[in-house]
Protein backbone atom coordinates (compact mmCIF):
# COMPACT_ATOMS: atom_id res chain seq x y z
CA UNK A 1 -8.55 -0.01 37.02
CA UNK A 2 -9.71 -2.16 34.14
CA UNK A 3 -8.24 -0.94 30.84
CA UNK A 4 -10.74 0.43 28.36
CA UNK A 5 -11.53 -1.43 25.15
CA UNK A 6 -9.59 -0.46 22.03
CA UNK A 7 -11.20 2.25 19.94
CA UNK A 8 -12.52 1.46 16.48
CA UNK A 9 -9.63 3.38 14.90
CA UNK A 10 -7.08 1.47 16.99
CA UNK A 11 -8.62 -1.89 16.13
CA UNK A 12 -8.66 -0.92 12.44
CA UNK A 13 -4.96 -0.04 12.63
CA UNK A 14 -4.20 -3.41 14.20
CA UNK A 15 -6.08 -5.20 11.41
CA UNK A 16 -4.03 -3.33 8.81
CA UNK A 17 -0.85 -4.29 10.65
CA UNK A 18 -1.88 -7.93 10.72
CA UNK A 19 -2.72 -7.87 7.01
CA UNK A 20 0.79 -6.55 6.32
CA UNK A 21 2.20 -9.63 8.07
CA UNK A 22 -0.13 -11.91 6.08
CA UNK A 23 -3.60 -13.26 6.88
CA UNK A 24 -4.45 -16.87 7.55
CA UNK A 25 -7.79 -17.87 5.99
CA UNK A 26 -9.42 -17.57 9.42
CA UNK A 27 -7.95 -14.10 9.97
CA UNK A 28 -9.05 -12.91 6.53
CA UNK A 29 -12.59 -14.12 7.27
CA UNK A 30 -12.56 -12.47 10.71
CA UNK A 31 -11.37 -9.18 9.21
CA UNK A 32 -14.10 -9.25 6.58
CA UNK A 33 -16.70 -9.99 9.27
CA UNK A 34 -15.45 -7.14 11.47
CA UNK A 35 -15.61 -4.70 8.54
CA UNK A 36 -19.16 -5.82 7.74
CA UNK A 37 -20.38 -5.70 11.35
CA UNK A 38 -20.78 -1.91 11.46
CA UNK A 39 -20.43 0.87 8.88
CA UNK A 40 -18.06 2.66 11.28
CA UNK A 41 -15.65 -0.30 11.11
CA UNK A 42 -15.35 -0.22 7.32
CA UNK A 43 -15.06 3.58 7.36
CA UNK A 44 -12.21 3.45 9.90
CA UNK A 45 -10.33 0.88 7.83
CA UNK A 46 -10.76 2.93 4.65
CA UNK A 47 -9.58 6.11 6.32
CA UNK A 48 -6.51 4.59 7.95
CA UNK A 49 -5.72 2.63 4.81
CA UNK A 50 -5.47 5.82 2.75
CA UNK A 51 -2.65 6.97 5.01
CA UNK A 52 -1.09 3.49 5.00
CA UNK A 53 -1.00 3.73 1.20
CA UNK A 54 0.17 7.34 1.12
CA UNK A 55 3.18 6.61 3.31
CA UNK A 56 3.99 3.55 1.17
CA UNK A 57 4.87 1.51 4.25
CA UNK A 58 2.62 -1.46 3.55
CA UNK A 59 5.24 -2.83 1.16
CA UNK A 60 8.06 -2.72 3.72
CA UNK A 61 8.51 -6.06 5.51
CA UNK A 62 8.30 -5.82 9.27
CA UNK A 63 6.72 -2.38 9.40
CA UNK A 64 3.38 -3.86 10.42
CA UNK A 65 4.98 -5.63 13.38
CA UNK A 66 6.74 -2.45 14.48
CA UNK A 67 3.55 -0.43 14.31
CA UNK A 68 1.63 -3.14 16.15
CA UNK A 69 4.22 -2.98 18.96
CA UNK A 70 3.74 0.78 19.20
CA UNK A 71 -0.02 0.33 19.37
CA UNK A 72 0.45 -2.10 22.26
CA UNK A 73 2.71 0.30 24.11
CA UNK A 74 0.19 3.10 23.74
CA UNK A 75 -2.62 0.92 25.06
CA UNK A 76 -0.54 0.05 28.11
CA UNK A 77 0.24 3.71 28.66
CA UNK A 78 -3.44 4.61 28.27
CA UNK A 79 -2.58 7.17 25.60
CA UNK A 80 -6.02 6.95 24.08
CA UNK A 81 -5.93 10.48 22.78
CA UNK A 82 -3.63 9.29 19.96
CA UNK A 83 -6.34 7.02 18.67
CA UNK A 84 -9.43 9.18 18.86
CA UNK A 85 -11.75 8.82 15.89
CA UNK A 86 -11.10 10.63 12.63
CA UNK A 87 -8.13 12.87 12.00
CA UNK A 88 -6.28 12.26 15.26
CA UNK A 89 -6.16 8.55 14.48
CA UNK A 90 -4.66 9.30 11.10
CA UNK A 91 -2.13 11.62 12.67
CA UNK A 92 -1.11 8.89 15.11
CA UNK A 93 -0.55 6.44 12.28
CA UNK A 94 1.50 9.03 10.43
CA UNK A 95 3.66 9.70 13.47
CA UNK A 96 4.21 5.98 13.98
CA UNK A 97 5.26 5.77 10.34
CA UNK A 98 8.03 8.26 10.90
CA UNK A 99 6.60 11.50 9.51
CA UNK A 100 7.82 14.74 10.98
CA UNK A 101 6.74 18.37 10.84
CA UNK A 102 9.19 21.01 12.10
CA UNK A 103 9.42 24.75 12.25
CA UNK A 104 12.15 26.21 10.05
CA UNK A 105 14.34 27.93 12.67
CA UNK A 106 16.48 25.18 14.30
CA UNK A 107 17.03 23.04 11.19
CA UNK A 108 20.10 20.81 11.31
CA UNK A 109 19.39 18.44 8.42
CA UNK A 110 20.09 19.44 4.83
CA UNK A 111 16.96 19.56 2.68
CA UNK A 112 16.62 16.58 0.36
CA UNK A 113 14.03 15.46 -2.20
CA UNK A 114 14.12 11.99 -3.79
CA UNK A 115 11.74 10.72 -6.47
CA UNK A 116 10.91 7.02 -6.09
CA UNK A 117 9.68 4.68 -8.80
CA UNK A 118 9.62 0.88 -8.70
CA UNK A 119 12.46 -0.89 -10.53
CA UNK A 120 11.34 -2.44 -13.81
CA UNK A 121 12.66 -4.88 -16.37
CA UNK A 122 11.58 -5.46 -19.96
CA UNK A 123 11.45 -9.22 -20.50
CA UNK A 124 12.55 -10.92 -23.75
CA UNK A 125 9.03 -10.85 -25.25
CA UNK A 126 8.42 -7.19 -24.38
CA UNK A 127 6.39 -7.89 -21.22
CA UNK A 128 7.26 -5.59 -18.31
CA UNK A 129 8.02 -6.65 -14.74
CA UNK A 130 7.94 -4.12 -11.90
CA UNK A 131 9.19 -5.09 -8.46
CA UNK A 132 10.38 -3.65 -5.16
CA UNK A 133 14.13 -3.76 -4.69
CA UNK A 134 15.41 -7.25 -4.01
CA UNK A 135 12.49 -9.24 -5.46
CA UNK A 136 14.22 -12.31 -7.00
CA UNK A 137 12.89 -14.04 -10.11
CA UNK A 138 14.28 -15.93 -13.09
CA UNK A 139 13.03 -15.93 -16.68
CA UNK A 140 12.82 -19.24 -18.53
CA UNK A 141 11.34 -18.79 -22.01
CA UNK A 142 10.81 -21.67 -24.46
CA UNK A 143 8.97 -21.95 -27.81
CA UNK A 144 5.82 -23.13 -25.99
CA UNK A 145 5.67 -21.11 -22.78
CA UNK A 146 6.98 -17.95 -21.15
CA UNK A 147 7.86 -18.95 -17.60
CA UNK A 148 8.95 -16.74 -14.69
CA UNK A 149 9.95 -18.35 -11.39
CA UNK A 150 9.76 -16.25 -8.22
CA UNK A 151 11.61 -17.25 -5.05
CA UNK A 152 10.48 -14.35 -2.85
CA UNK A 153 9.23 -10.80 -2.71
CA UNK A 154 6.58 -9.34 -5.01
CA UNK A 155 6.32 -8.38 -8.65
CA UNK A 156 3.75 -6.95 -11.06
CA UNK A 157 3.69 -8.21 -14.65
CA UNK A 158 2.20 -6.49 -17.70
CA UNK A 159 2.05 -9.27 -20.26
CA UNK A 160 2.33 -8.87 -24.03
CA UNK A 161 -0.45 -10.97 -25.63
CA UNK A 162 0.68 -14.18 -27.35
CA UNK A 163 -1.95 -16.93 -27.63
CA UNK A 164 0.66 -19.46 -28.75
CA UNK A 165 2.86 -18.93 -25.66
CA UNK A 166 1.08 -18.50 -22.33
CA UNK A 167 2.83 -16.43 -19.66
CA UNK A 168 3.19 -18.40 -16.41
CA UNK A 169 4.51 -17.18 -13.06
CA UNK A 170 5.46 -19.92 -10.61
CA UNK A 171 5.66 -18.96 -6.93
CA UNK A 172 5.55 -21.03 -3.75
CA UNK A 173 3.73 -24.03 -5.12
CA UNK A 174 1.24 -22.23 -7.36
CA UNK A 175 1.24 -21.04 -10.96
CA UNK A 176 -0.49 -17.99 -12.39
CA UNK A 177 -1.23 -18.31 -16.10
CA UNK A 178 -2.08 -15.46 -18.49
CA UNK A 179 -1.99 -14.71 -22.20
CA UNK A 180 -2.18 -10.93 -22.22
CA UNK A 181 -3.08 -9.13 -19.01
CA UNK A 182 -1.58 -7.50 -15.91
CA UNK A 183 -1.30 -9.00 -12.44
CA UNK A 184 0.86 -9.11 -9.32
CA UNK A 185 2.18 -12.01 -7.26
CA UNK A 186 3.45 -11.64 -3.71
CA UNK A 187 5.10 -14.42 -1.73
CA UNK A 188 4.17 -14.27 1.96
CA UNK A 189 5.07 -16.28 5.05
CA UNK A 190 1.95 -18.42 4.50
CA UNK A 191 1.88 -18.82 0.73
CA UNK A 192 1.26 -16.40 -2.12
CA UNK A 193 -1.16 -13.60 -2.94
CA UNK A 194 -2.39 -12.90 -6.48
CA UNK A 195 -3.90 -9.55 -7.52
CA UNK A 196 -5.28 -8.97 -11.03
CA UNK A 197 -5.14 -5.39 -12.31
CA UNK A 198 -6.20 -6.03 -15.93
CA UNK A 199 -7.74 -8.91 -17.85
CA UNK A 200 -7.99 -12.44 -16.53
CA UNK A 201 -5.63 -15.08 -15.11
CA UNK A 202 -5.91 -18.73 -14.10
CA UNK A 203 -4.46 -19.85 -10.77
CA UNK A 204 -3.36 -23.47 -10.39
CA UNK A 205 -1.12 -25.63 -8.24
CA UNK A 206 2.41 -26.33 -9.38
CA UNK A 207 1.06 -29.62 -10.74
CA UNK A 208 -1.22 -27.56 -13.06
CA UNK A 209 -4.40 -28.62 -11.28
CA UNK A 210 -6.87 -25.76 -11.90
CA UNK A 211 -8.03 -23.86 -8.85
CA UNK A 212 -9.85 -20.76 -10.05
CA UNK A 213 -9.96 -17.88 -12.52
CA UNK A 214 -9.57 -14.25 -11.50
CA UNK A 215 -10.58 -11.09 -13.33
CA UNK A 216 -9.48 -7.46 -12.95
CA UNK A 217 -9.91 -6.15 -9.40
CA UNK A 218 -9.97 -9.57 -7.76
CA UNK A 219 -7.36 -10.87 -5.31
CA UNK A 220 -6.79 -14.12 -3.44
CA UNK A 221 -4.37 -15.61 -0.94
CA UNK A 222 -3.28 -19.19 -1.65
CA UNK A 223 -1.92 -21.23 1.24
CA UNK A 224 -0.32 -24.62 0.41
CA UNK A 225 -2.18 -27.52 1.97
CA UNK A 226 -0.69 -30.18 4.18
CA UNK A 227 0.96 -33.19 2.53
CA UNK A 228 -1.41 -34.37 -0.19
CA UNK A 229 -4.11 -31.83 0.69
CA UNK A 230 -5.46 -29.20 -1.65
CA UNK A 231 -4.31 -25.59 -1.22
CA UNK A 232 -6.51 -23.23 0.79
CA UNK A 233 -7.77 -20.28 -1.25
CA UNK A 234 -9.05 -17.16 0.52
CA UNK A 235 -10.69 -14.27 -1.31
CA UNK A 236 -9.11 -11.07 0.01
CA UNK A 237 -11.29 -8.10 1.06
CA UNK A 238 -12.09 -5.63 -1.68
CA UNK A 239 -9.75 -3.06 -0.11
CA UNK A 240 -6.73 -5.29 -0.59
CA UNK A 241 -5.85 -4.96 -4.31
CA UNK A 242 -5.04 -1.25 -4.17
CA UNK A 243 -3.39 -1.48 -0.76
CA UNK A 244 -1.07 -4.29 -1.79
CA UNK A 245 0.23 -2.49 -4.87
CA UNK A 246 1.06 0.92 -3.44
CA UNK A 247 4.75 0.29 -4.10
CA UNK A 248 4.00 0.78 -7.80
CA UNK A 249 2.96 4.39 -7.27
CA UNK A 250 5.37 7.19 -8.07
CA UNK A 251 6.16 9.07 -4.88
CA UNK A 252 8.44 11.76 -3.56
CA UNK A 253 10.40 11.53 -0.32
CA UNK A 254 11.05 14.86 1.37
CA UNK A 255 13.56 15.30 4.17
CA UNK A 256 13.50 18.67 5.96
CA UNK A 257 12.15 20.38 2.82
CA UNK A 258 10.33 23.75 3.10
CA UNK A 259 6.62 23.35 2.47
CA UNK A 260 6.84 25.90 -0.36
CA UNK A 261 9.25 23.57 -2.20
CA UNK A 262 7.11 20.51 -1.43
CA UNK A 263 4.07 22.22 -2.94
CA UNK A 264 6.04 23.33 -6.00
CA UNK A 265 7.28 19.77 -6.56
CA UNK A 266 3.81 18.24 -6.19
CA UNK A 267 2.35 20.85 -8.54
CA UNK A 268 4.73 19.70 -11.29
CA UNK A 269 3.30 16.20 -11.16
CA UNK A 270 -0.45 16.75 -10.86
CA UNK A 271 -3.15 18.66 -12.69
CA UNK A 272 -4.47 20.14 -9.43
CA UNK A 273 -2.41 23.09 -8.23
CA UNK A 274 -1.77 23.84 -4.54
CA UNK A 275 -1.06 27.27 -3.07
CA UNK A 276 -0.25 28.53 0.42
CA UNK A 277 -2.83 30.80 2.03
CA UNK A 278 -0.18 32.19 4.39
CA UNK A 279 3.32 32.82 2.96
CA UNK A 280 4.77 32.04 6.40
CA UNK A 281 3.76 28.39 5.93
CA UNK A 282 6.28 28.12 3.12
CA UNK A 283 9.21 28.14 5.55
CA UNK A 284 7.88 25.24 7.66
CA UNK A 285 9.89 22.13 6.92
CA UNK A 286 8.35 18.78 6.16
CA UNK A 287 9.68 15.23 6.10
CA UNK A 288 7.71 12.33 4.69
CA UNK A 289 6.72 10.33 1.62
CA UNK A 290 3.92 11.53 -0.66
CA UNK A 291 2.25 9.83 -3.59
CA UNK A 292 2.35 12.03 -6.69
CA UNK A 293 -0.64 10.58 -8.52
CA UNK A 294 -3.39 11.62 -6.09
CA UNK A 295 -3.75 15.31 -5.17
CA UNK A 296 -6.76 14.52 -2.96
CA UNK A 297 -4.56 12.17 -0.94
CA UNK A 298 -1.88 14.84 -0.59
CA UNK A 299 -4.45 17.33 0.65
CA UNK A 300 -6.01 14.88 3.11
CA UNK A 301 -2.70 13.75 4.58
CA UNK A 302 -1.69 17.36 5.22
CA UNK A 303 -5.08 18.03 6.81
CA UNK A 304 -5.20 14.93 9.00
CA UNK A 305 -1.53 14.65 9.91
CA UNK A 306 -0.34 18.25 9.99
CA UNK A 307 -3.41 20.34 10.75
CA UNK A 308 -3.54 22.06 7.35
CA UNK A 309 -6.84 22.45 5.55
CA UNK A 310 -7.16 22.50 1.78
CA UNK A 311 -9.82 24.90 0.51
CA UNK A 312 -10.79 24.79 -3.16
CA UNK A 313 -10.57 28.40 -4.34
CA UNK A 314 -11.42 27.72 -7.99
CA UNK A 315 -11.64 24.55 -10.02
CA UNK A 316 -8.26 22.85 -10.03
CA UNK A 317 -6.70 25.10 -7.36
CA UNK A 318 -6.49 24.28 -3.63
CA UNK A 319 -5.30 26.76 -1.02
CA UNK A 320 -3.64 25.34 2.10
CA UNK A 321 -4.27 27.09 5.42
CA UNK A 322 -3.79 26.30 9.09
CA UNK A 323 -6.85 24.80 10.67
CA UNK A 324 -8.79 27.55 12.42
């Protein structure tokens, strides 16, 4: 029997996986075209991407490849039910990411809660660099320029303004120049990505040949050209800036923690307060990684991945119940 075509949700998940590995210019253009072809395509990407961000796995090298392999296995096994539209697709992505949801009775693992924040360094001029563990860079300041050289990984820089000494990040053949702003640089297998979160930066080749200027919210991928050729610059889809910087978000990792304790922890970090509609839910143990800056995301992940529905009782209070 001829295998059925991938569902929209499955195709969207594969695009997200490929983006994690790094787009070529042609792939970035094809992804943008696929998103624009039908409203359902863009909606599926946005929905899956929220979970991709919530689990904080986009920043982990190799996770995209592992998830893509699982998607392939499921296609071969004709397990289409895992990729039905909407919530089931989100649940499948969560399960592939390693989330678990267990009843409290046969618990063997000790409960554990860990708060994660990105490492950060204050540079000599007061600028702040945030970076995932293991991102290597060196600081080379002189009277005329503040220079940071990256040899791998990803970092976000919040630059102290100084018109007399530009702040320049050099990475994989390009330079990113700013005076006072905030931006991120990520070295990929094909070049480097630049995401601007505040202000404006200038992107150039290592030889200081100007390429383009970027303002807040814009992102590009720069791929070095062949010998003597100009670099290839690809504007990344509008969904990319937030997705590529999820590692900066404060998040809590729960391992076999009762839901009552999870809710209490989340409530300490957000203005919206969660409550359990059924006290018995408090004993159910949860493992996973949650962002602490977005209560709507917390509510949606529980609804889509774990069959709990958040009902707003009064302003600023959400009651969690099992889906009826």
